[in-house]
Amino acid sequence: MPDIPDPRRPVDPAINSPGREGLTGTAPASLYAPTVDRDQITIAPNFAPADAQPAWRQDFPIDWPQDLYVERRDFMKFLVLTSAAFALGQIWIGAQNWYRRRIGRLPMQRLASIDDLAVGASIAFTYPDEHEPCLLVRLTTSEFVAVNQKCTHLSCAVIPRPDEGQFYCPCHEGRFDLRTGAPIAGPPRRPLTRIVLEVRGRDIYAVGVEERTI
């Protein structure tokens, strides 16, 4: 079988020059004709023409330009599909979080009037249900704090001591900061659960629960 020249070899610059264009016998008539996109050019590994290739190569092209073209096209499809899946996932997560906040919203509960609570005084209440004892303490004329009364050590009831700036647990000598509920002495390692407060007019309301680990 005679050697078939490589069609990818560079064109002789002497032929592909304006000075020799049109001279008889120097350049083929199609040299300056428009060409197809190089991504669509099919070159078989043995450089034989398409009609000389076996039939299976029509279904499984392994020529380099066409193979690279298919790879780029598939890669772009992959990027588009991945981006779309990521965007839909973010929307789904956002919708779930919004729904959880909606169904997990705790009720608003009136606790006391500002006029009924002197500075340093405290009142007991339950929130968000009757099984959770809590304490509301007036720290100053404009500051209030409320916590779950259960000690984070063994759930004993803590006692407010405003003059010492502490919540005190008599069971195991545990102590918590009055303003923040953070443990400052004794065996407790976790802060007291805080009740989120809201003042409307002259009334104090519990509107949520703030779980903390530090």
N, C-alpha and C. Protein backbone atom coordinates (compact mmCIF):
# COMPACT_ATOMS: atom_id res chain seq x y z
N MET A 1 0.86 -1.20 0.00
CA MET A 1 0.00 0.00 0.00
C MET A 1 0.89 1.23 0.00
N PRO A 2 0.71 2.12 -0.96
CA PRO A 2 1.57 3.31 -1.04
C PRO A 2 1.38 4.19 0.19
N ASP A 3 2.44 4.92 0.53
CA ASP A 3 2.37 5.86 1.65
C ASP A 3 1.42 7.00 1.32
N ILE A 4 0.54 7.27 2.26
CA ILE A 4 -0.41 8.38 2.07
C ILE A 4 0.14 9.60 2.80
N PRO A 5 0.29 10.70 2.13
CA PRO A 5 0.87 11.89 2.80
C PRO A 5 -0.02 12.38 3.93
N ASP A 6 0.61 12.94 4.93
CA ASP A 6 -0.10 13.50 6.08
C ASP A 6 -0.79 14.80 5.66
N PRO A 7 -2.13 14.86 5.69
CA PRO A 7 -2.82 16.10 5.26
C PRO A 7 -2.63 17.25 6.23
N ARG A 8 -2.07 16.94 7.40
CA ARG A 8 -1.90 18.03 8.38
C ARG A 8 -0.57 18.75 8.22
N ARG A 9 0.26 18.31 7.23
CA ARG A 9 1.57 18.93 7.05
C ARG A 9 1.38 20.40 6.67
N PRO A 10 2.30 21.27 7.04
CA PRO A 10 2.15 22.71 6.73
C PRO A 10 2.19 22.98 5.23
N VAL A 11 1.46 23.98 4.82
CA VAL A 11 1.43 24.38 3.41
C VAL A 11 2.71 25.14 3.09
N ASP A 12 3.26 24.88 1.94
CA ASP A 12 4.47 25.57 1.50
C ASP A 12 4.20 27.07 1.45
N PRO A 13 4.93 27.87 2.20
CA PRO A 13 4.67 29.32 2.18
C PRO A 13 4.84 29.93 0.80
N ALA A 14 5.64 29.28 -0.01
CA ALA A 14 5.82 29.83 -1.36
C ALA A 14 4.55 29.70 -2.19
N ILE A 15 3.80 28.63 -1.93
CA ILE A 15 2.55 28.45 -2.65
C ILE A 15 1.47 29.35 -2.07
N ASN A 16 1.43 29.44 -0.75
CA ASN A 16 0.38 30.21 -0.08
C ASN A 16 0.83 31.66 0.06
N SER A 17 1.11 32.29 -1.03
CA SER A 17 1.57 33.69 -1.02
C SER A 17 0.86 34.46 -2.11
N PRO A 18 0.53 35.70 -1.87
CA PRO A 18 -0.18 36.48 -2.89
C PRO A 18 0.59 36.61 -4.20
N GLY A 19 1.93 36.59 -4.11
CA GLY A 19 2.71 36.78 -5.32
C GLY A 19 2.58 35.66 -6.31
N ARG A 20 2.29 34.47 -5.89
CA ARG A 20 2.19 33.30 -6.77
C ARG A 20 0.76 32.87 -7.00
N GLU A 21 -0.18 33.59 -6.39
CA GLU A 21 -1.58 33.20 -6.55
C GLU A 21 -2.00 33.28 -8.02
N GLY A 22 -2.63 32.23 -8.49
CA GLY A 22 -3.14 32.22 -9.85
C GLY A 22 -2.18 31.72 -10.88
N LEU A 23 -0.90 31.50 -10.53
CA LEU A 23 0.06 30.99 -11.51
C LEU A 23 -0.26 29.53 -11.84
N THR A 24 -0.15 29.17 -13.09
CA THR A 24 -0.49 27.83 -13.54
C THR A 24 0.45 26.80 -12.92
N GLY A 25 -0.15 25.79 -12.29
CA GLY A 25 0.64 24.69 -11.77
C GLY A 25 1.28 24.93 -10.42
N THR A 26 0.98 26.07 -9.81
CA THR A 26 1.62 26.35 -8.52
C THR A 26 0.71 26.09 -7.34
N ALA A 27 -0.57 26.23 -7.48
CA ALA A 27 -1.48 26.07 -6.34
C ALA A 27 -2.79 25.50 -6.82
N PRO A 28 -3.42 24.63 -6.01
CA PRO A 28 -4.73 24.11 -6.39
C PRO A 28 -5.79 25.20 -6.37
N ALA A 29 -6.83 24.99 -7.13
CA ALA A 29 -7.87 26.02 -7.24
C ALA A 29 -8.56 26.28 -5.91
N SER A 30 -8.57 25.26 -5.01
CA SER A 30 -9.29 25.41 -3.73
C SER A 30 -8.40 25.95 -2.61
N LEU A 31 -7.16 26.35 -2.93
CA LEU A 31 -6.25 26.76 -1.87
C LEU A 31 -6.78 27.96 -1.09
N TYR A 32 -7.36 28.91 -1.82
CA TYR A 32 -7.85 30.13 -1.16
C TYR A 32 -9.35 30.11 -0.94
N ALA A 33 -9.96 28.97 -1.15
CA ALA A 33 -11.40 28.86 -0.93
C ALA A 33 -11.69 28.78 0.56
N PRO A 34 -12.87 29.20 1.00
CA PRO A 34 -13.23 29.10 2.43
C PRO A 34 -13.17 27.66 2.90
N THR A 35 -12.68 27.46 4.08
CA THR A 35 -12.57 26.12 4.66
C THR A 35 -13.61 25.93 5.76
N VAL A 36 -13.81 24.69 6.15
CA VAL A 36 -14.76 24.39 7.22
C VAL A 36 -14.10 24.61 8.57
N ASP A 37 -14.91 24.64 9.60
CA ASP A 37 -14.40 24.78 10.96
C ASP A 37 -13.44 23.64 11.26
N ARG A 38 -12.30 23.98 11.84
CA ARG A 38 -11.31 22.95 12.09
C ARG A 38 -11.81 21.91 13.08
N ASP A 39 -12.79 22.28 13.91
CA ASP A 39 -13.34 21.30 14.84
C ASP A 39 -14.15 20.23 14.12
N GLN A 40 -14.56 20.53 12.89
CA GLN A 40 -15.36 19.58 12.14
C GLN A 40 -14.53 18.73 11.16
N ILE A 41 -13.23 19.02 11.10
CA ILE A 41 -12.38 18.26 10.19
C ILE A 41 -12.14 16.87 10.75
N THR A 42 -12.34 15.88 9.92
CA THR A 42 -12.14 14.49 10.34
C THR A 42 -10.84 13.96 9.76
N ILE A 43 -9.93 13.55 10.63
CA ILE A 43 -8.66 12.97 10.20
C ILE A 43 -8.50 11.64 10.91
N ALA A 44 -8.52 10.57 10.17
CA ALA A 44 -8.36 9.24 10.75
C ALA A 44 -6.90 9.02 11.16
N PRO A 45 -6.63 8.11 12.09
CA PRO A 45 -5.25 7.87 12.52
C PRO A 45 -4.34 7.42 11.40
N ASN A 46 -4.88 6.73 10.39
CA ASN A 46 -4.02 6.29 9.29
C ASN A 46 -4.02 7.26 8.12
N PHE A 47 -4.70 8.43 8.29
CA PHE A 47 -4.73 9.51 7.30
C PHE A 47 -5.41 9.12 5.99
N ALA A 48 -6.10 7.99 5.97
CA ALA A 48 -6.81 7.59 4.76
C ALA A 48 -8.11 8.37 4.65
N PRO A 49 -8.67 8.57 3.45
CA PRO A 49 -9.93 9.30 3.30
C PRO A 49 -11.08 8.58 3.98
N ALA A 50 -12.18 9.28 4.17
CA ALA A 50 -13.31 8.74 4.91
C ALA A 50 -13.92 7.52 4.23
N ASP A 51 -13.97 7.52 2.89
CA ASP A 51 -14.59 6.38 2.20
C ASP A 51 -13.73 5.13 2.27
N ALA A 52 -12.46 5.28 2.73
CA ALA A 52 -11.59 4.11 2.85
C ALA A 52 -11.54 3.58 4.28
N GLN A 53 -12.31 4.18 5.19
CA GLN A 53 -12.31 3.77 6.58
C GLN A 53 -13.33 2.65 6.80
N PRO A 54 -13.07 1.77 7.74
CA PRO A 54 -14.06 0.73 8.06
C PRO A 54 -15.33 1.34 8.65
N ALA A 55 -16.43 0.60 8.55
CA ALA A 55 -17.73 1.13 8.97
C ALA A 55 -17.79 1.44 10.46
N TRP A 56 -17.06 0.67 11.26
CA TRP A 56 -17.18 0.88 12.72
C TRP A 56 -16.66 2.24 13.15
N ARG A 57 -15.81 2.87 12.33
CA ARG A 57 -15.29 4.18 12.71
C ARG A 57 -16.34 5.28 12.59
N GLN A 58 -17.43 5.02 11.91
CA GLN A 58 -18.50 6.00 11.84
C GLN A 58 -19.21 6.14 13.19
N ASP A 59 -19.30 5.03 13.91
CA ASP A 59 -19.96 5.06 15.22
C ASP A 59 -18.98 5.33 16.35
N PHE A 60 -17.71 5.00 16.13
CA PHE A 60 -16.70 5.20 17.18
C PHE A 60 -15.53 6.00 16.60
N PRO A 61 -15.74 7.29 16.39
CA PRO A 61 -14.67 8.09 15.80
C PRO A 61 -13.51 8.24 16.78
N ILE A 62 -12.31 7.99 16.27
CA ILE A 62 -11.14 8.13 17.12
C ILE A 62 -10.13 9.10 16.52
N ASP A 63 -10.57 9.83 15.47
CA ASP A 63 -9.67 10.82 14.92
C ASP A 63 -9.59 12.00 15.89
N TRP A 64 -8.44 12.64 15.95
CA TRP A 64 -8.16 13.57 17.03
C TRP A 64 -9.02 14.84 17.04
N PRO A 65 -9.16 15.56 15.95
CA PRO A 65 -9.97 16.79 16.02
C PRO A 65 -11.41 16.53 16.42
N GLN A 66 -12.04 15.51 15.83
CA GLN A 66 -13.44 15.23 16.16
C GLN A 66 -13.58 14.76 17.60
N ASP A 67 -12.62 13.96 18.05
CA ASP A 67 -12.68 13.47 19.43
C ASP A 67 -12.56 14.61 20.42
N LEU A 68 -11.65 15.56 20.17
CA LEU A 68 -11.50 16.70 21.05
C LEU A 68 -12.75 17.58 21.03
N TYR A 69 -13.36 17.71 19.86
CA TYR A 69 -14.58 18.51 19.76
C TYR A 69 -15.69 17.91 20.60
N VAL A 70 -15.86 16.60 20.54
CA VAL A 70 -16.87 15.93 21.35
C VAL A 70 -16.59 16.09 22.82
N GLU A 71 -15.33 16.00 23.22
CA GLU A 71 -14.98 16.15 24.63
C GLU A 71 -15.33 17.55 25.14
N ARG A 72 -15.03 18.59 24.38
CA ARG A 72 -15.36 19.95 24.81
C ARG A 72 -16.86 20.16 24.92
N ARG A 73 -17.59 19.61 23.94
CA ARG A 73 -19.05 19.74 23.97
C ARG A 73 -19.64 19.05 25.20
N ASP A 74 -19.18 17.84 25.49
CA ASP A 74 -19.67 17.12 26.67
C ASP A 74 -19.27 17.83 27.95
N PHE A 75 -18.09 18.43 27.97
CA PHE A 75 -17.65 19.14 29.17
C PHE A 75 -18.54 20.36 29.44
N MET A 76 -18.92 21.08 28.38
CA MET A 76 -19.81 22.23 28.56
C MET A 76 -21.18 21.79 29.05
N LYS A 77 -21.67 20.66 28.52
CA LYS A 77 -22.95 20.14 29.03
C LYS A 77 -22.84 19.81 30.51
N PHE A 78 -21.73 19.20 30.89
CA PHE A 78 -21.53 18.85 32.30
C PHE A 78 -21.52 20.10 33.18
N LEU A 79 -20.84 21.16 32.73
CA LEU A 79 -20.79 22.39 33.52
C LEU A 79 -22.18 23.01 33.68
N VAL A 80 -22.95 23.03 32.58
CA VAL A 80 -24.30 23.62 32.65
C VAL A 80 -25.19 22.82 33.59
N LEU A 81 -25.18 21.50 33.47
CA LEU A 81 -26.03 20.67 34.32
C LEU A 81 -25.61 20.76 35.78
N THR A 82 -24.30 20.79 36.04
CA THR A 82 -23.82 20.89 37.41
C THR A 82 -24.21 22.23 38.03
N SER A 83 -24.07 23.31 37.27
CA SER A 83 -24.44 24.63 37.78
C SER A 83 -25.94 24.70 38.08
N ALA A 84 -26.75 24.12 37.18
CA ALA A 84 -28.20 24.13 37.41
C ALA A 84 -28.56 23.32 38.65
N ALA A 85 -27.92 22.17 38.82
CA ALA A 85 -28.20 21.34 40.01
C ALA A 85 -27.79 22.07 41.28
N PHE A 86 -26.66 22.75 41.24
CA PHE A 86 -26.20 23.49 42.42
C PHE A 86 -27.18 24.63 42.77
N ALA A 87 -27.63 25.36 41.76
CA ALA A 87 -28.58 26.45 42.00
C ALA A 87 -29.89 25.93 42.59
N LEU A 88 -30.40 24.83 42.03
CA LEU A 88 -31.65 24.26 42.55
C LEU A 88 -31.47 23.76 43.98
N GLY A 89 -30.28 23.21 44.28
CA GLY A 89 -30.02 22.75 45.64
C GLY A 89 -30.02 23.89 46.64
N GLN A 90 -29.43 25.04 46.25
CA GLN A 90 -29.42 26.19 47.14
C GLN A 90 -30.84 26.73 47.38
N ILE A 91 -31.64 26.74 46.33
CA ILE A 91 -33.03 27.19 46.48
C ILE A 91 -33.80 26.26 47.41
N TRP A 92 -33.57 24.95 47.27
CA TRP A 92 -34.26 23.97 48.11
C TRP A 92 -33.86 24.12 49.57
N ILE A 93 -32.57 24.32 49.84
CA ILE A 93 -32.10 24.50 51.21
C ILE A 93 -32.70 25.76 51.81
N GLY A 94 -32.72 26.85 51.04
CA GLY A 94 -33.32 28.09 51.53
C GLY A 94 -34.80 27.93 51.86
N ALA A 95 -35.52 27.21 51.00
CA ALA A 95 -36.95 27.00 51.25
C ALA A 95 -37.17 26.16 52.51
N GLN A 96 -36.33 25.14 52.71
CA GLN A 96 -36.46 24.32 53.91
C GLN A 96 -36.19 25.13 55.18
N ASN A 97 -35.14 25.96 55.15
CA ASN A 97 -34.84 26.79 56.32
C ASN A 97 -35.98 27.75 56.63
N TRP A 98 -36.54 28.34 55.57
CA TRP A 98 -37.66 29.26 55.78
C TRP A 98 -38.85 28.51 56.38
N TYR A 99 -39.11 27.30 55.90
CA TYR A 99 -40.25 26.53 56.42
C TYR A 99 -40.02 26.13 57.88
N ARG A 100 -38.78 25.74 58.20
CA ARG A 100 -38.50 25.36 59.59
C ARG A 100 -38.69 26.55 60.53
N ARG A 101 -38.25 27.72 60.07
CA ARG A 101 -38.45 28.91 60.92
C ARG A 101 -39.93 29.21 61.11
N ARG A 102 -40.69 28.98 60.08
CA ARG A 102 -42.13 29.25 60.18
C ARG A 102 -42.81 28.31 61.17
N ILE A 103 -42.52 27.01 61.05
CA ILE A 103 -43.20 26.05 61.91
C ILE A 103 -42.57 25.99 63.30
N GLY A 104 -41.31 26.46 63.42
CA GLY A 104 -40.63 26.39 64.71
C GLY A 104 -40.73 27.68 65.52
N ARG A 105 -41.47 28.63 65.05
CA ARG A 105 -41.59 29.91 65.75
C ARG A 105 -42.36 29.72 67.05
N LEU A 106 -41.76 30.18 68.15
CA LEU A 106 -42.39 30.01 69.45
C LEU A 106 -43.42 31.11 69.69
N PRO A 107 -44.40 30.84 70.54
CA PRO A 107 -45.45 31.85 70.79
C PRO A 107 -44.93 33.02 71.61
N MET A 108 -45.55 34.15 71.44
CA MET A 108 -45.24 35.31 72.27
C MET A 108 -46.06 35.22 73.55
N GLN A 109 -45.39 35.44 74.69
CA GLN A 109 -46.06 35.30 75.99
C GLN A 109 -45.75 36.51 76.87
N ARG A 110 -46.78 37.16 77.36
CA ARG A 110 -46.59 38.30 78.26
C ARG A 110 -46.12 37.80 79.62
N LEU A 111 -45.08 38.44 80.17
CA LEU A 111 -44.52 38.01 81.44
C LEU A 111 -44.90 38.94 82.59
N ALA A 112 -44.76 40.23 82.36
CA ALA A 112 -45.03 41.19 83.44
C ALA A 112 -45.05 42.59 82.87
N SER A 113 -45.46 43.52 83.70
CA SER A 113 -45.37 44.93 83.37
C SER A 113 -44.10 45.49 83.98
N ILE A 114 -43.49 46.43 83.31
CA ILE A 114 -42.27 47.05 83.84
C ILE A 114 -42.56 47.68 85.20
N ASP A 115 -43.72 48.24 85.37
CA ASP A 115 -44.06 48.92 86.62
C ASP A 115 -44.22 47.94 87.78
N ASP A 116 -44.44 46.67 87.51
CA ASP A 116 -44.65 45.69 88.57
C ASP A 116 -43.35 45.02 89.02
N LEU A 117 -42.22 45.36 88.39
CA LEU A 117 -40.96 44.67 88.68
C LEU A 117 -39.90 45.69 89.06
N ALA A 118 -39.52 45.70 90.34
CA ALA A 118 -38.50 46.64 90.82
C ALA A 118 -37.11 46.17 90.37
N VAL A 119 -36.14 47.10 90.38
CA VAL A 119 -34.77 46.74 90.02
C VAL A 119 -34.23 45.72 91.03
N GLY A 120 -33.70 44.62 90.54
CA GLY A 120 -33.20 43.56 91.40
C GLY A 120 -34.22 42.50 91.72
N ALA A 121 -35.49 42.75 91.42
CA ALA A 121 -36.54 41.78 91.69
C ALA A 121 -36.62 40.77 90.56
N SER A 122 -37.28 39.65 90.84
CA SER A 122 -37.43 38.58 89.84
C SER A 122 -38.80 37.94 89.97
N ILE A 123 -39.27 37.35 88.88
CA ILE A 123 -40.52 36.61 88.89
C ILE A 123 -40.29 35.28 88.17
N ALA A 124 -41.05 34.27 88.56
CA ALA A 124 -40.96 32.96 87.93
C ALA A 124 -42.07 32.82 86.90
N PHE A 125 -41.78 32.10 85.85
CA PHE A 125 -42.79 31.82 84.82
C PHE A 125 -42.37 30.55 84.10
N THR A 126 -43.22 30.04 83.25
CA THR A 126 -42.88 28.87 82.43
C THR A 126 -42.95 29.25 80.96
N TYR A 127 -41.97 28.73 80.19
CA TYR A 127 -41.92 29.06 78.76
C TYR A 127 -40.95 28.10 78.08
N PRO A 128 -41.25 27.58 76.91
CA PRO A 128 -42.46 27.82 76.09
C PRO A 128 -43.66 26.97 76.50
N ASP A 129 -43.49 26.07 77.48
CA ASP A 129 -44.63 25.30 77.99
C ASP A 129 -44.50 25.19 79.50
N GLU A 130 -45.47 24.56 80.12
CA GLU A 130 -45.52 24.50 81.58
C GLU A 130 -44.45 23.61 82.19
N HIS A 131 -43.70 22.89 81.37
CA HIS A 131 -42.66 22.01 81.90
C HIS A 131 -41.28 22.68 81.96
N GLU A 132 -41.20 23.93 81.55
CA GLU A 132 -39.92 24.64 81.53
C GLU A 132 -39.97 25.85 82.46
N PRO A 133 -39.53 25.69 83.72
CA PRO A 133 -39.53 26.82 84.65
C PRO A 133 -38.45 27.84 84.28
N CYS A 134 -38.81 29.11 84.38
CA CYS A 134 -37.90 30.18 84.00
C CYS A 134 -37.94 31.30 85.03
N LEU A 135 -36.95 32.21 84.93
CA LEU A 135 -36.86 33.36 85.82
C LEU A 135 -36.65 34.63 85.00
N LEU A 136 -37.37 35.67 85.37
CA LEU A 136 -37.17 37.00 84.79
C LEU A 136 -36.61 37.91 85.87
N VAL A 137 -35.49 38.56 85.58
CA VAL A 137 -34.82 39.44 86.55
C VAL A 137 -34.66 40.82 85.93
N ARG A 138 -34.97 41.85 86.73
CA ARG A 138 -34.74 43.23 86.27
C ARG A 138 -33.37 43.66 86.78
N LEU A 139 -32.45 43.90 85.85
CA LEU A 139 -31.09 44.25 86.22
C LEU A 139 -30.96 45.74 86.55
N THR A 140 -31.49 46.60 85.68
CA THR A 140 -31.47 48.05 85.89
C THR A 140 -32.84 48.59 85.50
N THR A 141 -32.95 49.88 85.42
CA THR A 141 -34.23 50.47 85.05
C THR A 141 -34.63 50.12 83.62
N SER A 142 -33.64 49.76 82.78
CA SER A 142 -33.94 49.49 81.38
C SER A 142 -33.43 48.13 80.89
N GLU A 143 -32.83 47.33 81.79
CA GLU A 143 -32.28 46.04 81.38
C GLU A 143 -32.99 44.90 82.10
N PHE A 144 -33.30 43.87 81.32
CA PHE A 144 -33.96 42.68 81.86
C PHE A 144 -33.26 41.44 81.30
N VAL A 145 -33.29 40.36 82.07
CA VAL A 145 -32.75 39.11 81.61
C VAL A 145 -33.67 37.99 82.06
N ALA A 146 -33.81 36.97 81.21
CA ALA A 146 -34.64 35.82 81.56
C ALA A 146 -33.90 34.55 81.14
N VAL A 147 -33.93 33.55 82.01
CA VAL A 147 -33.24 32.29 81.73
C VAL A 147 -34.12 31.12 82.15
N ASN A 148 -33.81 29.97 81.56
CA ASN A 148 -34.40 28.74 82.05
C ASN A 148 -33.81 28.44 83.42
N GLN A 149 -34.65 28.10 84.39
CA GLN A 149 -34.19 27.96 85.77
C GLN A 149 -33.42 26.68 86.03
N LYS A 150 -33.41 25.74 85.10
CA LYS A 150 -32.72 24.47 85.33
C LYS A 150 -31.21 24.64 85.18
N CYS A 151 -30.48 24.23 86.20
CA CYS A 151 -29.02 24.23 86.14
C CYS A 151 -28.57 23.26 85.05
N THR A 152 -27.55 23.64 84.30
CA THR A 152 -27.09 22.79 83.20
C THR A 152 -26.22 21.63 83.69
N HIS A 153 -26.05 21.51 85.01
CA HIS A 153 -25.30 20.37 85.54
C HIS A 153 -26.22 19.17 85.74
N LEU A 154 -27.16 19.31 86.71
CA LEU A 154 -28.10 18.22 86.97
C LEU A 154 -29.55 18.72 87.09
N SER A 155 -29.83 19.86 86.49
CA SER A 155 -31.20 20.41 86.37
C SER A 155 -31.79 20.87 87.69
N CYS A 156 -30.98 21.14 88.70
CA CYS A 156 -31.52 21.76 89.91
C CYS A 156 -31.95 23.19 89.60
N ALA A 157 -32.86 23.74 90.42
CA ALA A 157 -33.36 25.09 90.19
C ALA A 157 -32.35 26.12 90.69
N VAL A 158 -31.96 27.04 89.81
CA VAL A 158 -31.04 28.10 90.22
C VAL A 158 -31.81 29.23 90.89
N ILE A 159 -31.07 30.01 91.70
CA ILE A 159 -31.66 31.11 92.47
C ILE A 159 -30.95 32.40 92.07
N PRO A 160 -31.68 33.46 91.74
CA PRO A 160 -31.02 34.72 91.38
C PRO A 160 -30.46 35.42 92.62
N ARG A 161 -29.25 35.94 92.52
CA ARG A 161 -28.61 36.74 93.56
C ARG A 161 -28.11 38.02 92.91
N PRO A 162 -29.01 38.99 92.71
CA PRO A 162 -28.64 40.22 92.00
C PRO A 162 -27.52 40.99 92.68
N ASP A 163 -27.46 40.99 94.02
CA ASP A 163 -26.41 41.72 94.71
C ASP A 163 -25.03 41.13 94.43
N GLU A 164 -24.96 39.85 94.07
CA GLU A 164 -23.70 39.21 93.74
C GLU A 164 -23.49 39.08 92.23
N GLY A 165 -24.51 39.47 91.46
CA GLY A 165 -24.41 39.35 90.00
C GLY A 165 -24.38 37.92 89.53
N GLN A 166 -25.13 37.03 90.21
CA GLN A 166 -25.04 35.61 89.90
C GLN A 166 -26.40 34.93 89.96
N PHE A 167 -26.49 33.81 89.24
CA PHE A 167 -27.50 32.79 89.49
C PHE A 167 -26.78 31.68 90.25
N TYR A 168 -27.38 31.25 91.36
CA TYR A 168 -26.71 30.29 92.24
C TYR A 168 -27.48 28.98 92.27
N CYS A 169 -26.74 27.87 92.11
CA CYS A 169 -27.35 26.54 92.20
C CYS A 169 -26.97 25.93 93.54
N PRO A 170 -27.92 25.72 94.46
CA PRO A 170 -27.60 25.21 95.80
C PRO A 170 -27.23 23.72 95.82
N CYS A 171 -27.51 22.98 94.77
CA CYS A 171 -27.26 21.54 94.81
C CYS A 171 -25.77 21.22 94.82
N HIS A 172 -25.01 21.87 93.94
CA HIS A 172 -23.59 21.54 93.82
C HIS A 172 -22.73 22.80 93.74
N GLU A 173 -23.23 23.89 94.33
CA GLU A 173 -22.48 25.15 94.38
C GLU A 173 -22.14 25.69 92.99
N GLY A 174 -23.02 25.50 92.06
CA GLY A 174 -22.78 26.06 90.73
C GLY A 174 -23.17 27.52 90.68
N ARG A 175 -22.45 28.30 89.90
CA ARG A 175 -22.71 29.73 89.79
C ARG A 175 -22.65 30.14 88.33
N PHE A 176 -23.57 31.04 87.96
CA PHE A 176 -23.67 31.55 86.59
C PHE A 176 -23.72 33.07 86.61
N ASP A 177 -23.16 33.70 85.60
CA ASP A 177 -23.22 35.14 85.50
C ASP A 177 -24.67 35.60 85.32
N LEU A 178 -25.04 36.63 86.06
CA LEU A 178 -26.44 37.07 86.06
C LEU A 178 -26.85 37.64 84.70
N ARG A 179 -25.95 38.33 84.01
CA ARG A 179 -26.29 38.98 82.75
C ARG A 179 -26.27 38.01 81.56
N THR A 180 -25.28 37.14 81.55
CA THR A 180 -25.10 36.28 80.37
C THR A 180 -25.52 34.84 80.59
N GLY A 181 -25.60 34.39 81.85
CA GLY A 181 -25.91 33.00 82.13
C GLY A 181 -24.74 32.06 81.96
N ALA A 182 -23.53 32.61 81.71
CA ALA A 182 -22.35 31.77 81.52
C ALA A 182 -21.89 31.21 82.87
N PRO A 183 -21.41 29.95 82.91
CA PRO A 183 -20.94 29.36 84.16
C PRO A 183 -19.65 30.03 84.62
N ILE A 184 -19.57 30.33 85.92
CA ILE A 184 -18.36 30.99 86.44
C ILE A 184 -17.77 30.23 87.63
N ALA A 185 -18.48 29.24 88.17
CA ALA A 185 -17.94 28.47 89.29
C ALA A 185 -18.74 27.18 89.43
N GLY A 186 -18.11 26.17 90.06
CA GLY A 186 -18.79 24.91 90.31
C GLY A 186 -18.71 23.96 89.12
N PRO A 187 -19.45 22.88 89.20
CA PRO A 187 -19.36 21.85 88.14
C PRO A 187 -20.01 22.21 86.81
N PRO A 188 -20.96 23.15 86.70
CA PRO A 188 -21.57 23.41 85.39
C PRO A 188 -20.55 23.87 84.35
N ARG A 189 -20.69 23.36 83.12
CA ARG A 189 -19.81 23.76 82.02
C ARG A 189 -20.57 24.44 80.88
N ARG A 190 -21.87 24.34 80.87
CA ARG A 190 -22.68 24.96 79.83
C ARG A 190 -23.47 26.12 80.41
N PRO A 191 -23.70 27.17 79.62
CA PRO A 191 -24.47 28.32 80.11
C PRO A 191 -25.95 27.99 80.26
N LEU A 192 -26.63 28.78 81.05
CA LEU A 192 -28.08 28.65 81.17
C LEU A 192 -28.74 29.03 79.84
N THR A 193 -29.85 28.38 79.55
CA THR A 193 -30.61 28.70 78.35
C THR A 193 -31.31 30.03 78.55
N ARG A 194 -31.08 30.96 77.63
CA ARG A 194 -31.67 32.29 77.76
C ARG A 194 -33.02 32.35 77.05
N ILE A 195 -33.91 33.13 77.61
CA ILE A 195 -35.20 33.40 77.01
C ILE A 195 -35.12 34.76 76.32
N VAL A 196 -35.48 34.80 75.05
CA VAL A 196 -35.43 36.06 74.30
C VAL A 196 -36.62 36.92 74.71
N LEU A 197 -36.29 38.17 75.09
CA LEU A 197 -37.32 39.09 75.58
C LEU A 197 -37.58 40.20 74.58
N GLU A 198 -38.78 40.77 74.68
CA GLU A 198 -39.15 41.92 73.86
C GLU A 198 -40.05 42.81 74.70
N VAL A 199 -39.72 44.10 74.73
CA VAL A 199 -40.50 45.07 75.50
C VAL A 199 -41.39 45.84 74.54
N ARG A 200 -42.68 45.80 74.80
CA ARG A 200 -43.65 46.53 74.00
C ARG A 200 -44.44 47.44 74.91
N GLY A 201 -44.22 48.72 74.73
CA GLY A 201 -44.86 49.67 75.62
C GLY A 201 -44.31 49.49 77.03
N ARG A 202 -45.18 49.13 77.98
CA ARG A 202 -44.77 48.90 79.37
C ARG A 202 -44.80 47.42 79.72
N ASP A 203 -44.97 46.55 78.71
CA ASP A 203 -45.07 45.12 78.97
C ASP A 203 -43.84 44.38 78.45
N ILE A 204 -43.48 43.31 79.17
CA ILE A 204 -42.34 42.47 78.81
C ILE A 204 -42.87 41.14 78.29
N TYR A 205 -42.36 40.71 77.13
CA TYR A 205 -42.82 39.48 76.50
C TYR A 205 -41.64 38.53 76.28
N ALA A 206 -41.93 37.24 76.40
CA ALA A 206 -41.00 36.20 75.97
C ALA A 206 -41.37 35.85 74.54
N VAL A 207 -40.35 35.85 73.64
CA VAL A 207 -40.65 35.62 72.23
C VAL A 207 -39.83 34.46 71.63
N GLY A 208 -38.91 33.87 72.40
CA GLY A 208 -38.11 32.79 71.85
C GLY A 208 -37.15 32.23 72.89
N VAL A 209 -36.44 31.18 72.48
CA VAL A 209 -35.47 30.51 73.34
C VAL A 209 -34.13 30.50 72.62
N GLU A 210 -33.06 30.85 73.34
CA GLU A 210 -31.72 30.90 72.76
C GLU A 210 -30.87 29.81 73.39
N GLU A 211 -30.69 28.71 72.65
CA GLU A 211 -29.85 27.61 73.11
C GLU A 211 -28.40 27.94 72.83
N ARG A 212 -27.53 27.74 73.84
CA ARG A 212 -26.11 28.03 73.67
C ARG A 212 -25.29 26.90 74.26
N THR A 213 -24.06 26.79 73.74
CA THR A 213 -23.12 25.79 74.27
C THR A 213 -21.90 26.43 74.90
N ILE A 214 -21.68 27.72 74.61
CA ILE A 214 -20.54 28.43 75.20
C ILE A 214 -21.01 29.78 75.72
